[in-house]
Amino acid sequence: MSRKDTIEQRTEELLIPIAEAHQVVIYDVEYVKEAGEMYLRAYIDKEGPESVDINTCVDVSRALSDALDAEDYIEEAYTLEVSSPGLGRQLKKDRHLAYSISQEVEVKLYKPVDGEKSFVGILEAFDRETITIGAEDKSRVFPRKEISTVRLTLDF
């Protein structure tokens, strides 16, 4: 397991009881480098129609910050961010895809298929190797290794 994966996993383990105490679910945890700075991001959500508000993000952030300070397993400086995954959230993990079945998604590919790199449709199914979306009375199956991103579309 890479150092990045270890940090993300340990952070998610620390976050579990904090999320439960604040009645939220963990959507994702990522440890990334952007513009030379390290960021530890925790995305939290609520099940059902209610969304996460700023006060909940602040409360979870403070509790997670205290837990991270106590454990002290990240050597370099980083910025902690706690937020909602947002409306056009990226679907990176199988649990994200499972939760999003029957919702409209945008699939972006590394290389064009039929002259297109972006496809929009209803997420119908997925497995280890493929993702299936339905659009215009037909289904399209995309190999996961050819997909750069999958995200929920924004409805306005």
N, C-alpha and C. Protein backbone atom coordinates (compact mmCIF):
# COMPACT_ATOMS: atom_id res chain seq x y z
N MET A 1 0.85 -1.17 0.00
CA MET A 1 0.00 0.00 0.00
C MET A 1 0.90 1.24 0.00
N SER A 2 0.54 2.21 -0.83
CA SER A 2 1.34 3.43 -0.91
C SER A 2 1.16 4.30 0.33
N ARG A 3 2.05 5.23 0.53
CA ARG A 3 1.97 6.14 1.67
C ARG A 3 0.67 6.94 1.62
N LYS A 4 0.32 7.41 0.42
CA LYS A 4 -0.92 8.15 0.20
C LYS A 4 -2.12 7.31 0.63
N ASP A 5 -2.16 6.05 0.18
CA ASP A 5 -3.27 5.16 0.53
C ASP A 5 -3.33 4.90 2.03
N THR A 6 -2.17 4.76 2.65
CA THR A 6 -2.12 4.53 4.10
C THR A 6 -2.67 5.73 4.86
N ILE A 7 -2.29 6.94 4.44
CA ILE A 7 -2.80 8.15 5.09
C ILE A 7 -4.30 8.27 4.91
N GLU A 8 -4.78 8.01 3.70
CA GLU A 8 -6.22 8.09 3.45
C GLU A 8 -6.98 7.05 4.29
N GLN A 9 -6.46 5.84 4.36
CA GLN A 9 -7.12 4.78 5.12
C GLN A 9 -7.14 5.10 6.62
N ARG A 10 -6.00 5.52 7.16
CA ARG A 10 -5.94 5.85 8.59
C ARG A 10 -6.85 7.02 8.93
N THR A 11 -6.90 8.00 8.04
CA THR A 11 -7.78 9.15 8.26
C THR A 11 -9.23 8.73 8.23
N GLU A 12 -9.60 7.87 7.30
CA GLU A 12 -10.97 7.39 7.24
C GLU A 12 -11.33 6.62 8.51
N GLU A 13 -10.40 5.84 9.02
CA GLU A 13 -10.65 5.11 10.27
C GLU A 13 -10.88 6.08 11.44
N LEU A 14 -10.09 7.16 11.49
CA LEU A 14 -10.29 8.19 12.52
C LEU A 14 -11.63 8.90 12.36
N LEU A 15 -12.03 9.06 11.13
CA LEU A 15 -13.24 9.81 10.82
C LEU A 15 -14.53 9.05 11.10
N ILE A 16 -14.49 7.73 11.11
CA ILE A 16 -15.71 6.92 11.29
C ILE A 16 -16.49 7.31 12.54
N PRO A 17 -15.89 7.29 13.73
CA PRO A 17 -16.70 7.65 14.91
C PRO A 17 -17.12 9.12 14.92
N ILE A 18 -16.31 9.98 14.32
CA ILE A 18 -16.66 11.40 14.25
C ILE A 18 -17.88 11.59 13.35
N ALA A 19 -17.87 10.91 12.22
CA ALA A 19 -19.00 10.99 11.29
C ALA A 19 -20.27 10.47 11.94
N GLU A 20 -20.15 9.35 12.63
CA GLU A 20 -21.32 8.78 13.31
C GLU A 20 -21.87 9.74 14.36
N ALA A 21 -20.99 10.37 15.11
CA ALA A 21 -21.41 11.30 16.15
C ALA A 21 -22.13 12.53 15.58
N HIS A 22 -21.78 12.90 14.36
CA HIS A 22 -22.39 14.07 13.72
C HIS A 22 -23.47 13.68 12.71
N GLN A 23 -23.82 12.42 12.69
CA GLN A 23 -24.90 11.89 11.84
C GLN A 23 -24.67 12.18 10.35
N VAL A 24 -23.43 11.94 9.92
CA VAL A 24 -23.08 12.07 8.51
C VAL A 24 -22.40 10.78 8.07
N VAL A 25 -22.26 10.63 6.77
CA VAL A 25 -21.54 9.49 6.21
C VAL A 25 -20.29 10.00 5.53
N ILE A 26 -19.28 9.17 5.49
CA ILE A 26 -18.03 9.51 4.81
C ILE A 26 -18.21 9.20 3.33
N TYR A 27 -18.07 10.21 2.51
CA TYR A 27 -18.16 10.00 1.07
C TYR A 27 -16.79 9.60 0.51
N ASP A 28 -15.75 10.32 0.95
CA ASP A 28 -14.41 10.03 0.45
C ASP A 28 -13.38 10.75 1.31
N VAL A 29 -12.17 10.26 1.27
CA VAL A 29 -11.01 10.91 1.88
C VAL A 29 -9.90 10.86 0.83
N GLU A 30 -9.25 12.00 0.62
CA GLU A 30 -8.14 12.01 -0.33
C GLU A 30 -6.98 12.85 0.21
N TYR A 31 -5.79 12.41 -0.11
CA TYR A 31 -4.57 13.11 0.27
C TYR A 31 -3.85 13.41 -1.03
N VAL A 32 -3.81 14.70 -1.41
CA VAL A 32 -3.31 15.08 -2.73
C VAL A 32 -2.36 16.27 -2.64
N LYS A 33 -1.53 16.37 -3.67
CA LYS A 33 -0.63 17.51 -3.79
C LYS A 33 -1.14 18.38 -4.92
N GLU A 34 -1.34 19.66 -4.61
CA GLU A 34 -1.79 20.63 -5.59
C GLU A 34 -0.97 21.90 -5.46
N ALA A 35 -0.41 22.34 -6.55
CA ALA A 35 0.42 23.57 -6.58
C ALA A 35 1.49 23.54 -5.48
N GLY A 36 2.11 22.38 -5.29
CA GLY A 36 3.19 22.25 -4.33
C GLY A 36 2.75 22.11 -2.88
N GLU A 37 1.47 22.13 -2.61
CA GLU A 37 0.94 22.02 -1.24
C GLU A 37 0.19 20.70 -1.07
N MET A 38 0.25 20.14 0.12
CA MET A 38 -0.47 18.90 0.42
C MET A 38 -1.83 19.24 1.04
N TYR A 39 -2.85 18.51 0.62
CA TYR A 39 -4.21 18.69 1.13
C TYR A 39 -4.76 17.34 1.57
N LEU A 40 -5.33 17.33 2.75
CA LEU A 40 -6.06 16.16 3.25
C LEU A 40 -7.53 16.57 3.23
N ARG A 41 -8.29 15.95 2.35
CA ARG A 41 -9.69 16.33 2.19
C ARG A 41 -10.61 15.19 2.63
N ALA A 42 -11.59 15.56 3.42
CA ALA A 42 -12.62 14.61 3.84
C ALA A 42 -13.95 15.14 3.31
N TYR A 43 -14.63 14.30 2.56
CA TYR A 43 -15.94 14.66 2.01
C TYR A 43 -17.00 13.91 2.80
N ILE A 44 -17.95 14.65 3.34
CA ILE A 44 -19.01 14.05 4.15
C ILE A 44 -20.36 14.36 3.51
N ASP A 45 -21.33 13.50 3.78
CA ASP A 45 -22.65 13.65 3.19
C ASP A 45 -23.68 13.15 4.18
N LYS A 46 -24.93 13.39 3.87
CA LYS A 46 -26.03 12.85 4.66
C LYS A 46 -26.85 11.95 3.75
N GLU A 47 -27.38 10.89 4.31
CA GLU A 47 -28.26 10.03 3.53
C GLU A 47 -29.63 10.69 3.44
N GLY A 48 -30.28 10.51 2.32
CA GLY A 48 -31.59 11.11 2.13
C GLY A 48 -31.50 12.47 1.48
N PRO A 49 -32.61 13.20 1.49
CA PRO A 49 -32.66 14.48 0.77
C PRO A 49 -31.93 15.64 1.46
N GLU A 50 -31.67 15.51 2.75
CA GLU A 50 -31.01 16.58 3.48
C GLU A 50 -29.53 16.65 3.11
N SER A 51 -28.99 17.87 3.03
CA SER A 51 -27.58 18.01 2.69
C SER A 51 -26.78 18.46 3.91
N VAL A 52 -25.49 18.36 3.79
CA VAL A 52 -24.57 18.76 4.86
C VAL A 52 -24.47 20.28 4.86
N ASP A 53 -24.57 20.89 6.04
CA ASP A 53 -24.44 22.35 6.11
C ASP A 53 -23.04 22.72 6.58
N ILE A 54 -22.73 24.00 6.49
CA ILE A 54 -21.39 24.50 6.83
C ILE A 54 -21.05 24.26 8.29
N ASN A 55 -22.03 24.38 9.19
CA ASN A 55 -21.76 24.16 10.61
C ASN A 55 -21.34 22.72 10.89
N THR A 56 -21.95 21.78 10.21
CA THR A 56 -21.57 20.38 10.37
C THR A 56 -20.14 20.17 9.86
N CYS A 57 -19.82 20.78 8.73
CA CYS A 57 -18.45 20.66 8.19
C CYS A 57 -17.43 21.22 9.18
N VAL A 58 -17.75 22.37 9.79
CA VAL A 58 -16.84 22.99 10.77
C VAL A 58 -16.68 22.07 11.98
N ASP A 59 -17.78 21.53 12.49
CA ASP A 59 -17.71 20.66 13.67
C ASP A 59 -16.90 19.39 13.39
N VAL A 60 -17.14 18.79 12.23
CA VAL A 60 -16.40 17.58 11.86
C VAL A 60 -14.93 17.92 11.65
N SER A 61 -14.64 19.05 11.03
CA SER A 61 -13.27 19.47 10.80
C SER A 61 -12.50 19.64 12.11
N ARG A 62 -13.13 20.30 13.08
CA ARG A 62 -12.47 20.49 14.38
C ARG A 62 -12.19 19.16 15.07
N ALA A 63 -13.18 18.28 15.06
CA ALA A 63 -13.00 16.98 15.71
C ALA A 63 -11.94 16.15 15.00
N LEU A 64 -11.95 16.17 13.66
CA LEU A 64 -10.95 15.42 12.90
C LEU A 64 -9.56 16.02 13.11
N SER A 65 -9.45 17.32 13.14
CA SER A 65 -8.17 17.98 13.37
C SER A 65 -7.58 17.57 14.72
N ASP A 66 -8.42 17.53 15.75
CA ASP A 66 -7.96 17.09 17.08
C ASP A 66 -7.47 15.65 17.05
N ALA A 67 -8.22 14.79 16.35
CA ALA A 67 -7.84 13.37 16.26
C ALA A 67 -6.54 13.21 15.48
N LEU A 68 -6.38 13.97 14.41
CA LEU A 68 -5.14 13.91 13.61
C LEU A 68 -3.95 14.40 14.43
N ASP A 69 -4.14 15.46 15.21
CA ASP A 69 -3.07 15.97 16.07
C ASP A 69 -2.66 14.93 17.11
N ALA A 70 -3.63 14.23 17.66
CA ALA A 70 -3.34 13.21 18.67
C ALA A 70 -2.59 12.03 18.07
N GLU A 71 -2.96 11.62 16.87
CA GLU A 71 -2.32 10.46 16.21
C GLU A 71 -0.99 10.86 15.58
N ASP A 72 -0.91 12.03 14.97
CA ASP A 72 0.32 12.60 14.41
C ASP A 72 1.08 11.65 13.49
N TYR A 73 0.41 11.11 12.48
CA TYR A 73 1.06 10.18 11.55
C TYR A 73 1.40 10.79 10.19
N ILE A 74 1.09 12.07 9.99
CA ILE A 74 1.42 12.73 8.72
C ILE A 74 2.60 13.66 8.98
N GLU A 75 3.73 13.34 8.37
CA GLU A 75 4.98 14.04 8.66
C GLU A 75 5.05 15.46 8.10
N GLU A 76 4.61 15.64 6.86
CA GLU A 76 4.74 16.95 6.23
C GLU A 76 3.55 17.84 6.56
N ALA A 77 3.72 19.13 6.29
CA ALA A 77 2.64 20.09 6.50
C ALA A 77 1.54 19.83 5.46
N TYR A 78 0.29 20.02 5.87
CA TYR A 78 -0.85 19.82 4.97
C TYR A 78 -1.99 20.73 5.42
N THR A 79 -2.93 20.92 4.54
CA THR A 79 -4.14 21.67 4.85
C THR A 79 -5.29 20.68 4.93
N LEU A 80 -6.04 20.72 6.02
CA LEU A 80 -7.21 19.87 6.20
C LEU A 80 -8.44 20.60 5.67
N GLU A 81 -9.21 19.94 4.84
CA GLU A 81 -10.46 20.49 4.34
C GLU A 81 -11.56 19.46 4.54
N VAL A 82 -12.69 19.88 5.09
CA VAL A 82 -13.86 19.02 5.24
C VAL A 82 -15.01 19.71 4.53
N SER A 83 -15.65 18.98 3.61
CA SER A 83 -16.75 19.59 2.84
C SER A 83 -17.70 18.52 2.33
N SER A 84 -18.78 18.99 1.75
CA SER A 84 -19.71 18.12 1.03
C SER A 84 -19.06 17.77 -0.31
N PRO A 85 -19.38 16.60 -0.87
CA PRO A 85 -18.80 16.26 -2.17
C PRO A 85 -19.37 17.10 -3.32
N GLY A 86 -20.44 17.84 -3.09
CA GLY A 86 -21.00 18.72 -4.11
C GLY A 86 -21.98 18.02 -5.03
N LEU A 87 -22.67 18.81 -5.81
CA LEU A 87 -23.71 18.28 -6.70
C LEU A 87 -23.13 17.45 -7.84
N GLY A 88 -22.08 17.94 -8.47
CA GLY A 88 -21.47 17.23 -9.60
C GLY A 88 -20.35 16.33 -9.15
N ARG A 89 -20.59 15.61 -8.06
CA ARG A 89 -19.55 14.81 -7.42
C ARG A 89 -18.99 13.73 -8.33
N GLN A 90 -17.71 13.51 -8.18
CA GLN A 90 -17.04 12.46 -8.91
C GLN A 90 -17.33 11.12 -8.24
N LEU A 91 -17.57 10.11 -9.04
CA LEU A 91 -17.87 8.77 -8.54
C LEU A 91 -16.61 7.92 -8.73
N LYS A 92 -15.80 7.83 -7.69
CA LYS A 92 -14.51 7.16 -7.78
C LYS A 92 -14.55 5.71 -7.30
N LYS A 93 -15.35 5.46 -6.32
CA LYS A 93 -15.34 4.14 -5.68
C LYS A 93 -16.62 3.39 -5.99
N ASP A 94 -16.57 2.07 -5.84
CA ASP A 94 -17.74 1.25 -6.10
C ASP A 94 -18.93 1.67 -5.24
N ARG A 95 -18.68 2.08 -4.00
CA ARG A 95 -19.80 2.50 -3.15
C ARG A 95 -20.46 3.77 -3.70
N HIS A 96 -19.68 4.64 -4.36
CA HIS A 96 -20.25 5.83 -4.98
C HIS A 96 -21.14 5.43 -6.16
N LEU A 97 -20.65 4.50 -6.95
CA LEU A 97 -21.43 4.03 -8.10
C LEU A 97 -22.71 3.33 -7.64
N ALA A 98 -22.60 2.49 -6.62
CA ALA A 98 -23.78 1.76 -6.12
C ALA A 98 -24.85 2.73 -5.64
N TYR A 99 -24.45 3.77 -4.96
CA TYR A 99 -25.37 4.76 -4.43
C TYR A 99 -26.01 5.58 -5.56
N SER A 100 -25.36 5.61 -6.74
CA SER A 100 -25.81 6.46 -7.84
C SER A 100 -26.50 5.72 -8.97
N ILE A 101 -26.78 4.44 -8.79
CA ILE A 101 -27.52 3.69 -9.81
C ILE A 101 -28.84 4.41 -10.07
N SER A 102 -29.23 4.49 -11.33
CA SER A 102 -30.46 5.14 -11.81
C SER A 102 -30.36 6.67 -11.83
N GLN A 103 -29.19 7.22 -11.58
CA GLN A 103 -29.01 8.66 -11.68
C GLN A 103 -28.24 8.99 -12.95
N GLU A 104 -28.40 10.23 -13.42
CA GLU A 104 -27.71 10.64 -14.63
C GLU A 104 -26.25 10.95 -14.33
N VAL A 105 -25.36 10.41 -15.15
CA VAL A 105 -23.92 10.61 -14.97
C VAL A 105 -23.28 11.03 -16.29
N GLU A 106 -22.11 11.61 -16.16
CA GLU A 106 -21.28 11.91 -17.31
C GLU A 106 -20.03 11.05 -17.22
N VAL A 107 -19.75 10.32 -18.28
CA VAL A 107 -18.56 9.47 -18.36
C VAL A 107 -17.60 10.14 -19.32
N LYS A 108 -16.38 10.42 -18.85
CA LYS A 108 -15.35 10.99 -19.71
C LYS A 108 -14.27 9.94 -19.93
N LEU A 109 -13.86 9.82 -21.18
CA LEU A 109 -12.88 8.81 -21.58
C LEU A 109 -11.52 9.43 -21.85
N TYR A 110 -10.50 8.60 -21.76
CA TYR A 110 -9.15 9.07 -22.10
C TYR A 110 -9.02 9.30 -23.61
N LYS A 111 -9.62 8.39 -24.40
CA LYS A 111 -9.53 8.47 -25.86
C LYS A 111 -10.94 8.47 -26.44
N PRO A 112 -11.14 9.14 -27.56
CA PRO A 112 -12.48 9.20 -28.16
C PRO A 112 -12.99 7.83 -28.62
N VAL A 113 -14.31 7.67 -28.50
CA VAL A 113 -15.03 6.53 -29.06
C VAL A 113 -16.10 7.14 -29.96
N ASP A 114 -16.12 6.71 -31.21
CA ASP A 114 -17.06 7.29 -32.19
C ASP A 114 -16.92 8.82 -32.23
N GLY A 115 -15.69 9.31 -32.08
CA GLY A 115 -15.42 10.73 -32.15
C GLY A 115 -15.76 11.53 -30.90
N GLU A 116 -16.20 10.87 -29.86
CA GLU A 116 -16.60 11.55 -28.61
C GLU A 116 -15.77 11.04 -27.43
N LYS A 117 -15.49 11.96 -26.49
CA LYS A 117 -14.80 11.58 -25.26
C LYS A 117 -15.70 11.70 -24.04
N SER A 118 -16.92 12.24 -24.23
CA SER A 118 -17.82 12.47 -23.11
C SER A 118 -19.20 11.92 -23.46
N PHE A 119 -19.78 11.16 -22.52
CA PHE A 119 -21.10 10.55 -22.73
C PHE A 119 -21.95 10.78 -21.49
N VAL A 120 -23.22 11.09 -21.70
CA VAL A 120 -24.15 11.31 -20.60
C VAL A 120 -25.27 10.29 -20.71
N GLY A 121 -25.63 9.71 -19.57
CA GLY A 121 -26.72 8.75 -19.54
C GLY A 121 -27.03 8.33 -18.12
N ILE A 122 -27.99 7.45 -17.98
CA ILE A 122 -28.39 6.93 -16.68
C ILE A 122 -27.47 5.77 -16.31
N LEU A 123 -26.89 5.85 -15.13
CA LEU A 123 -26.03 4.77 -14.67
C LEU A 123 -26.89 3.53 -14.42
N GLU A 124 -26.67 2.50 -15.21
CA GLU A 124 -27.48 1.28 -15.13
C GLU A 124 -26.80 0.18 -14.32
N ALA A 125 -25.49 0.04 -14.51
CA ALA A 125 -24.79 -1.07 -13.86
C ALA A 125 -23.29 -0.81 -13.88
N PHE A 126 -22.58 -1.57 -13.05
CA PHE A 126 -21.12 -1.54 -13.06
C PHE A 126 -20.61 -2.85 -12.48
N ASP A 127 -19.39 -3.17 -12.82
CA ASP A 127 -18.69 -4.30 -12.20
C ASP A 127 -17.21 -3.93 -12.18
N ARG A 128 -16.37 -4.88 -11.87
CA ARG A 128 -14.93 -4.58 -11.76
C ARG A 128 -14.33 -4.04 -13.05
N GLU A 129 -14.89 -4.48 -14.18
CA GLU A 129 -14.28 -4.17 -15.47
C GLU A 129 -15.01 -3.09 -16.27
N THR A 130 -16.31 -2.90 -16.02
CA THR A 130 -17.10 -2.02 -16.89
C THR A 130 -18.08 -1.13 -16.12
N ILE A 131 -18.54 -0.09 -16.83
CA ILE A 131 -19.62 0.76 -16.36
C ILE A 131 -20.61 0.87 -17.52
N THR A 132 -21.89 0.71 -17.21
CA THR A 132 -22.94 0.74 -18.23
C THR A 132 -23.86 1.93 -17.98
N ILE A 133 -24.05 2.75 -19.04
CA ILE A 133 -25.01 3.84 -18.95
C ILE A 133 -26.03 3.68 -20.08
N GLY A 134 -27.24 4.16 -19.82
CA GLY A 134 -28.29 4.09 -20.82
C GLY A 134 -28.66 5.49 -21.29
N ALA A 135 -28.78 5.62 -22.61
CA ALA A 135 -29.19 6.89 -23.19
C ALA A 135 -29.87 6.61 -24.53
N GLU A 136 -30.95 7.32 -24.79
CA GLU A 136 -31.66 7.21 -26.07
C GLU A 136 -32.01 5.77 -26.41
N ASP A 137 -32.61 5.07 -25.49
CA ASP A 137 -33.10 3.69 -25.68
C ASP A 137 -32.02 2.67 -26.00
N LYS A 138 -30.78 2.97 -25.65
CA LYS A 138 -29.73 1.97 -25.81
C LYS A 138 -28.73 2.10 -24.68
N SER A 139 -28.06 1.04 -24.38
CA SER A 139 -27.05 1.03 -23.33
C SER A 139 -25.67 1.03 -23.96
N ARG A 140 -24.75 1.71 -23.28
CA ARG A 140 -23.35 1.69 -23.69
C ARG A 140 -22.53 1.16 -22.54
N VAL A 141 -21.61 0.28 -22.87
CA VAL A 141 -20.73 -0.31 -21.87
C VAL A 141 -19.32 0.21 -22.14
N PHE A 142 -18.71 0.76 -21.06
CA PHE A 142 -17.36 1.32 -21.17
C PHE A 142 -16.42 0.53 -20.27
N PRO A 143 -15.27 0.10 -20.80
CA PRO A 143 -14.27 -0.52 -19.93
C PRO A 143 -13.75 0.52 -18.93
N ARG A 144 -13.68 0.15 -17.67
CA ARG A 144 -13.25 1.10 -16.63
C ARG A 144 -11.85 1.63 -16.88
N LYS A 145 -10.98 0.82 -17.45
CA LYS A 145 -9.60 1.26 -17.69
C LYS A 145 -9.53 2.38 -18.73
N GLU A 146 -10.60 2.58 -19.52
CA GLU A 146 -10.64 3.63 -20.53
C GLU A 146 -11.34 4.90 -20.03
N ILE A 147 -11.85 4.87 -18.79
CA ILE A 147 -12.60 6.00 -18.23
C ILE A 147 -11.70 6.88 -17.40
N SER A 148 -11.69 8.17 -17.70
CA SER A 148 -10.90 9.10 -16.88
C SER A 148 -11.71 9.54 -15.66
N THR A 149 -13.00 9.88 -15.85
CA THR A 149 -13.84 10.28 -14.72
C THR A 149 -15.30 9.89 -14.97
N VAL A 150 -16.00 9.68 -13.87
CA VAL A 150 -17.44 9.52 -13.89
C VAL A 150 -17.96 10.46 -12.81
N ARG A 151 -18.93 11.30 -13.17
CA ARG A 151 -19.49 12.21 -12.17
C ARG A 151 -20.97 12.37 -12.41
N LEU A 152 -21.68 12.74 -11.33
CA LEU A 152 -23.10 13.04 -11.47
C LEU A 152 -23.25 14.29 -12.30
N THR A 153 -24.28 14.33 -13.12
CA THR A 153 -24.55 15.55 -13.89
C THR A 153 -25.29 16.53 -12.99
N LEU A 154 -25.22 17.79 -13.35
CA LEU A 154 -25.90 18.83 -12.58
C LEU A 154 -27.26 19.08 -13.19
N ASP A 155 -28.30 19.03 -12.37
CA ASP A 155 -29.66 19.35 -12.82
C ASP A 155 -30.02 20.75 -12.36
N PHE A 156 -30.35 21.59 -13.31
CA PHE A 156 -30.78 22.95 -12.97
C PHE A 156 -32.15 23.20 -13.56
